[in-house]
Protein backbone atom coordinates (compact mmCIF):
# COMPACT_ATOMS: atom_id res chain seq x y z
CA MET A 1 0.00 0.00 0.00
CA GLU A 2 1.39 3.38 -1.01
CA LYS A 3 0.27 6.68 0.51
CA ILE A 4 0.03 9.21 -2.34
CA SER A 5 -1.63 12.15 -0.53
CA ASP A 6 -2.97 13.12 2.90
CA HIS A 7 -6.09 10.96 2.59
CA VAL A 8 -5.42 8.59 -0.31
CA TYR A 9 -3.56 5.30 -0.59
CA ILE A 10 -3.19 3.00 -3.60
CA HIS A 11 -2.47 -0.69 -3.87
CA ARG A 12 -1.43 -2.39 -7.11
CA ASP A 13 -2.48 -6.01 -7.58
CA SER A 14 -0.67 -8.73 -9.55
CA ARG A 15 -2.37 -7.57 -12.78
CA ARG A 16 -1.12 -3.99 -12.17
CA THR A 17 -4.66 -2.79 -11.42
CA ASN A 18 -4.69 0.28 -9.17
CA LEU A 19 -6.99 0.03 -6.16
CA GLY A 20 -7.79 3.06 -4.04
CA LEU A 21 -8.28 3.65 -0.33
CA ILE A 22 -9.66 7.09 0.59
CA LEU A 23 -9.77 8.00 4.29
CA SER A 24 -12.97 9.94 5.01
CA PRO A 25 -14.22 11.24 8.38
CA HIS A 26 -16.55 8.24 8.71
CA GLY A 27 -14.31 5.48 7.45
CA PRO A 28 -12.57 4.39 4.27
CA VAL A 29 -14.01 4.65 0.79
CA LEU A 30 -12.58 2.09 -1.63
CA VAL A 31 -12.07 2.33 -5.38
CA ASP A 32 -12.22 -0.90 -7.41
CA SER A 33 -11.25 -4.45 -6.49
CA PRO A 34 -9.06 -7.20 -8.00
CA MET A 35 -10.21 -9.95 -10.33
CA LEU A 36 -8.16 -12.80 -8.84
CA PRO A 37 -9.40 -14.18 -5.48
CA ASP A 38 -5.92 -14.27 -3.94
CA ASP A 39 -5.37 -10.64 -4.97
CA ALA A 40 -8.73 -9.72 -3.45
CA ARG A 41 -7.74 -11.22 -0.11
CA VAL A 42 -4.40 -9.40 -0.20
CA TRP A 43 -6.28 -6.16 -0.96
CA ARG A 44 -8.65 -6.68 1.98
CA ASP A 45 -5.71 -7.32 4.32
CA ALA A 46 -3.86 -4.25 3.01
CA VAL A 47 -6.90 -2.08 3.75
CA MET A 48 -7.14 -3.49 7.28
CA GLU A 49 -3.48 -2.69 7.90
CA VAL A 50 -4.22 1.00 7.27
CA THR A 51 -7.55 1.21 9.09
CA ASN A 52 -9.72 -1.12 11.14
CA GLU A 53 -12.85 0.89 10.35
CA PRO A 54 -15.38 -0.79 8.02
CA PRO A 55 -15.55 0.83 4.55
CA CYS A 56 -18.36 3.35 3.97
CA TYR A 57 -18.55 2.67 0.22
CA LEU A 58 -16.87 0.68 -2.52
CA ILE A 59 -16.83 2.41 -5.92
CA ASN A 60 -16.29 0.48 -9.16
CA THR A 61 -14.97 2.62 -12.01
CA ASP A 62 -16.62 0.19 -14.47
CA HIS A 63 -18.22 -3.27 -14.61
CA HIS A 64 -15.25 -5.15 -16.09
CA ILE A 65 -14.25 -8.03 -13.87
CA GLY A 66 -10.70 -6.71 -13.56
CA HIS A 67 -12.08 -3.84 -11.47
CA SER A 68 -15.07 -5.38 -9.74
CA LEU A 69 -15.05 -9.16 -9.35
CA GLY A 70 -13.25 -8.97 -6.02
CA ASP A 71 -15.98 -6.86 -4.41
CA TRP A 72 -16.97 -10.02 -2.52
CA VAL A 73 -14.21 -9.45 0.08
CA PHE A 74 -16.23 -6.48 1.44
CA PRO A 75 -19.71 -8.08 1.56
CA ASP A 76 -21.29 -5.51 3.90
CA THR A 77 -20.06 -2.44 2.04
CA PRO A 78 -22.52 -0.52 -0.19
CA LEU A 79 -21.35 -0.74 -3.80
CA VAL A 80 -21.55 2.37 -5.99
CA THR A 81 -21.25 2.30 -9.79
CA HIS A 82 -22.53 4.15 -12.84
CA ARG A 83 -26.08 3.11 -13.71
CA HIS A 84 -24.92 1.30 -16.86
CA ALA A 85 -22.39 -0.72 -14.87
CA ALA A 86 -25.13 -1.46 -12.33
CA TYR A 87 -27.37 -2.71 -15.14
CA MET A 88 -24.65 -5.04 -16.42
CA MET A 89 -23.94 -6.44 -12.96
CA LEU A 90 -27.57 -6.81 -11.90
CA GLU A 91 -29.16 -7.94 -15.16
CA LYS A 92 -26.38 -9.64 -17.15
CA TRP A 93 -24.29 -11.29 -14.44
CA ASP A 94 -26.56 -14.28 -13.89
CA SER A 95 -25.90 -18.01 -13.46
CA THR A 96 -25.39 -18.44 -17.22
CA TRP A 97 -22.80 -15.65 -17.25
CA ARG A 98 -21.05 -17.16 -14.23
CA GLY A 99 -20.96 -20.56 -15.94
CA ARG A 100 -19.38 -19.12 -19.10
CA LEU A 101 -16.78 -17.26 -17.05
CA ILE A 102 -15.91 -20.38 -15.08
CA GLU A 103 -15.49 -22.47 -18.24
CA SER A 104 -13.30 -19.79 -19.83
CA LEU A 105 -10.96 -19.97 -16.83
CA ARG A 106 -11.01 -23.70 -16.15
CA ALA A 107 -8.05 -24.58 -18.38
CA THR A 108 -5.74 -21.68 -17.48
CA GLN A 109 -6.80 -20.83 -13.90
CA PRO A 110 -8.52 -23.91 -12.45
CA GLU A 111 -8.29 -22.71 -8.83
CA MET A 112 -10.01 -19.45 -9.66
CA ALA A 113 -12.64 -21.29 -11.71
CA SER A 114 -13.39 -23.49 -8.73
CA GLU A 115 -13.67 -20.54 -6.32
CA LEU A 116 -16.00 -18.68 -8.68
CA GLU A 117 -18.60 -21.40 -8.30
CA SER A 118 -19.42 -20.10 -4.83
CA LEU A 119 -18.17 -16.48 -4.64
CA ALA A 120 -20.80 -13.75 -4.40
CA LEU A 121 -21.04 -11.60 -7.52
CA PRO A 122 -21.07 -7.79 -7.16
CA ARG A 123 -24.51 -6.27 -6.57
CA PRO A 124 -24.53 -2.44 -6.74
CA ALA A 125 -26.59 -0.55 -4.18
CA LEU A 126 -26.37 2.82 -5.90
CA GLY A 127 -25.96 3.77 -9.58
CA ALA A 128 -24.83 7.26 -10.55
CA VAL A 129 -26.43 8.78 -13.66
CA ASP A 130 -23.89 11.42 -14.73
CA GLU A 131 -22.41 12.93 -11.61
CA LEU A 132 -22.75 12.11 -7.94
CA THR A 133 -21.01 13.55 -4.90
CA LEU A 134 -20.66 11.52 -1.73
CA HIS A 135 -20.81 14.17 1.01
CA ILE A 136 -19.06 12.67 4.02
CA ASP A 137 -19.23 15.59 6.44
CA ASP A 138 -17.04 18.25 4.84
CA PHE A 139 -15.09 15.70 2.80
CA PRO A 140 -16.66 15.29 -0.67
CA ILE A 141 -15.81 12.48 -3.07
CA GLU A 142 -16.97 13.19 -6.62
CA LEU A 143 -18.09 10.56 -9.11
CA ILE A 144 -17.89 12.06 -12.60
CA TYR A 145 -19.14 10.35 -15.74
CA GLY A 146 -16.37 9.59 -18.19
CA GLY A 147 -17.73 6.88 -20.48
CA GLY A 148 -15.51 6.08 -23.43
CA HIS A 149 -13.83 2.95 -22.13
CA THR A 150 -17.24 1.48 -21.30
CA ALA A 151 -20.70 3.00 -21.31
CA GLY A 152 -20.48 3.20 -17.51
CA THR A 153 -16.93 4.32 -16.76
CA LEU A 154 -16.60 6.71 -13.83
CA LEU A 155 -13.88 9.11 -12.75
CA VAL A 156 -13.43 9.33 -8.97
CA ARG A 157 -12.14 12.67 -7.70
CA VAL A 158 -10.92 13.59 -4.24
CA PRO A 159 -10.96 17.42 -4.43
CA GLN A 160 -9.33 18.03 -1.05
CA ASP A 161 -6.20 16.13 -2.18
CA SER A 162 -6.47 16.88 -5.93
CA VAL A 163 -6.41 13.15 -6.70
CA LEU A 164 -8.27 11.65 -9.66
CA PHE A 165 -8.87 7.95 -10.32
CA THR A 166 -9.47 7.47 -14.05
CA GLY A 167 -10.31 3.79 -14.32
CA ASP A 168 -9.17 2.32 -17.63
CA LEU A 169 -9.67 5.57 -19.54
CA VAL A 170 -6.00 6.01 -18.73
CA VAL A 171 -3.43 3.20 -18.44
CA GLU A 172 0.31 3.48 -17.92
CA GLY A 173 2.71 1.00 -19.51
CA ALA A 174 0.06 -0.94 -21.45
CA HIS A 175 -2.18 -0.60 -24.49
CA PRO A 176 -5.70 0.73 -23.81
CA ASN A 177 -8.57 -1.73 -24.13
CA LEU A 178 -11.15 -0.48 -26.69
CA GLY A 179 -13.23 -3.66 -26.67
CA ASP A 180 -16.33 -1.89 -25.30
CA ALA A 181 -15.33 1.61 -26.35
CA ASN A 182 -16.98 4.71 -27.67
CA THR A 183 -13.88 6.33 -29.16
CA ARG A 184 -15.36 9.83 -29.58
CA GLN A 185 -16.50 9.79 -25.98
CA TRP A 186 -13.10 8.45 -24.88
CA LEU A 187 -11.29 11.42 -26.44
CA GLU A 188 -13.78 13.80 -24.83
CA ALA A 189 -13.17 12.14 -21.46
CA LEU A 190 -9.42 12.71 -21.79
CA GLN A 191 -10.13 16.39 -22.33
CA LYS A 192 -12.36 16.38 -19.26
CA ILE A 193 -9.47 14.94 -17.25
CA ARG A 194 -7.21 17.75 -18.48
CA VAL A 195 -9.78 20.36 -17.43
CA LEU A 196 -10.02 18.79 -13.96
CA ASN A 197 -6.21 19.14 -13.81
CA PRO A 198 -5.56 16.84 -10.85
CA HIS A 199 -2.28 17.06 -8.99
CA ILE A 200 -2.15 13.24 -8.80
CA LEU A 201 -3.54 11.07 -11.61
CA VAL A 202 -4.20 7.42 -10.80
CA PRO A 203 -4.66 5.30 -13.95
CA GLY A 204 -6.56 2.05 -14.13
CA HIS A 205 -3.30 0.13 -14.48
CA GLY A 206 0.37 0.92 -13.96
CA GLU A 207 2.39 3.67 -12.31
CA LEU A 208 0.96 7.10 -11.54
CA ALA A 209 0.14 8.94 -14.75
CA SER A 210 1.06 12.31 -16.23
CA GLU A 211 0.20 14.54 -19.18
CA ALA A 212 2.52 12.33 -21.24
CA THR A 213 0.31 9.35 -20.36
CA LEU A 214 -2.79 11.23 -21.53
CA GLU A 215 -1.04 12.05 -24.79
CA TYR A 216 -0.03 8.41 -25.24
CA VAL A 217 -3.58 7.13 -24.72
CA GLU A 218 -5.07 9.87 -26.90
CA GLY A 219 -2.60 9.11 -29.69
CA TYR A 220 -3.30 5.39 -29.47
CA VAL A 221 -7.07 5.83 -29.74
CA LYS A 222 -6.75 8.25 -32.66
CA THR A 223 -4.18 6.13 -34.52
CA LEU A 224 -6.11 2.88 -34.16
CA THR A 225 -9.34 4.58 -35.22
CA GLU A 226 -7.66 6.01 -38.33
CA MET A 227 -6.05 2.68 -39.25
CA VAL A 228 -9.30 0.75 -39.00
CA GLY A 229 -11.14 3.53 -40.82
CA GLU A 230 -8.84 3.34 -43.83
CA TYR A 231 -9.46 -0.38 -44.20
CA TYR A 232 -13.20 -0.01 -43.55
CA HIS A 233 -13.62 2.66 -46.22
CA ALA A 234 -11.60 0.52 -48.62
CA GLY A 235 -14.36 -2.09 -48.32
CA LEU A 236 -12.58 -4.73 -46.22
CA SER A 237 -14.64 -7.03 -44.02
CA ARG A 238 -14.36 -7.03 -40.24
CA LYS A 239 -12.47 -10.32 -40.33
CA ASP A 240 -10.02 -9.01 -42.91
CA VAL A 241 -9.34 -5.84 -40.95
CA VAL A 242 -8.62 -7.88 -37.82
CA SER A 243 -6.15 -10.00 -39.79
CA LYS A 244 -4.34 -6.89 -41.08
CA VAL A 245 -4.07 -4.86 -37.88
CA LYS A 246 -1.55 -6.80 -35.81
CA SER A 247 -0.01 -3.73 -34.22
CA VAL A 248 -0.61 0.00 -33.96
CA GLU A 249 1.95 2.16 -35.72
CA GLY A 250 4.13 3.85 -33.13
CA TYR A 251 2.74 1.76 -30.27
CA PRO A 252 4.57 -1.61 -30.24
CA LEU A 253 3.56 -4.39 -27.89
CA SER A 254 6.11 -5.12 -25.20
CA HIS A 255 7.29 -8.70 -24.72
CA ASP A 256 5.48 -8.98 -21.36
CA GLU A 257 2.26 -7.69 -22.90
CA ARG A 258 2.38 -9.90 -25.99
CA GLY A 259 -0.29 -12.55 -25.28
CA ARG A 260 -2.85 -10.43 -23.47
CA GLY A 261 -2.05 -7.39 -25.63
CA GLU A 262 -2.70 -9.22 -28.89
CA GLN A 263 -6.07 -10.41 -27.60
CA ARG A 264 -6.92 -6.89 -26.43
CA LEU A 265 -5.90 -5.41 -29.79
CA LYS A 266 -8.13 -7.85 -31.67
CA ALA A 267 -11.15 -6.89 -29.55
CA SER A 268 -10.30 -3.20 -29.98
CA VAL A 269 -10.12 -3.47 -33.78
CA GLN A 270 -13.45 -5.31 -33.87
CA ARG A 271 -15.10 -2.62 -31.75
CA VAL A 272 -13.74 0.29 -33.80
CA TYR A 273 -14.84 -1.43 -37.02
CA ASP A 274 -18.33 -1.81 -35.55
CA GLU A 275 -18.35 1.90 -34.69
CA TYR A 276 -17.80 2.78 -38.35
CA LYS A 277 -20.54 0.38 -39.38
CA GLU A 278 -22.96 1.79 -36.80
CA HIS A 279 -22.20 5.31 -37.99
CA ASP A 280 -22.99 4.38 -41.60
CA LYS A 281 -26.27 2.77 -40.54
CA GLU A 282 -27.24 5.95 -38.70
CA LEU A 283 -26.52 8.00 -41.83
CA GLU A 284 -28.60 5.67 -43.96
CA LYS A 285 -31.47 5.90 -41.50
CA ALA A 286 -31.26 9.69 -41.46
CA ARG A 287 -31.35 9.85 -45.26
CA ALA A 288 -34.38 7.54 -45.36
CA ASN A 289 -36.25 9.85 -43.00
């Protein structure tokens, strides 16, 4: 656990996910949780080493399991998300979803697959619409809609310490994941982060971020969008575009990132291709009307 300001600590799990502990007047407020059960237990113990007070709230920056599956280690803590993330967790994360997740992990992570058969899935108690401030006496914690990375991505701001948690809108030392993205909204969210101008910027993954990190992510999103767009407008199919885009010019995959990064890139290309297709359908519909 690393103290990064007067009231804020961060802990980085084995997948380099940043988890936040915010000390409020009425107890800790947590930001995100690990995917792996062992990491979740380590996170719980790390929190208890800093404070023995029960958490007031647990905030998930989005519904992806890398930021929320470990919520089970704080079963009595009210869970706060964006309303879209709440919808995904409450309506889509059913027994069928759990079964698919378990089967996808059985070959590579059998212990985790076995644990998932009985672990409680996250169940949000409160879903923010666009913005929500948790007023804990005179210590506000702001939840600000970012979108972009997912339809329900939240920024978490601690004004008193000028700390901003970005979720996976910003990542340090890895390629962004555009698998559920709205790229236009993502670029707007990066501008929103610049306007907020936090003194300390906590990305979804990796070391603390800077303006250079924002520029990296912005450049990646723009470059990938342009690459896919060229192939799309040339008439290539989705499958063909995926086969052609094996890397993003100027953004090479590191050796450590190779396996997971290639899978992430494929999903990102598919999503950006679908965005172009959706845009063309909207234009056709507008012309017909």
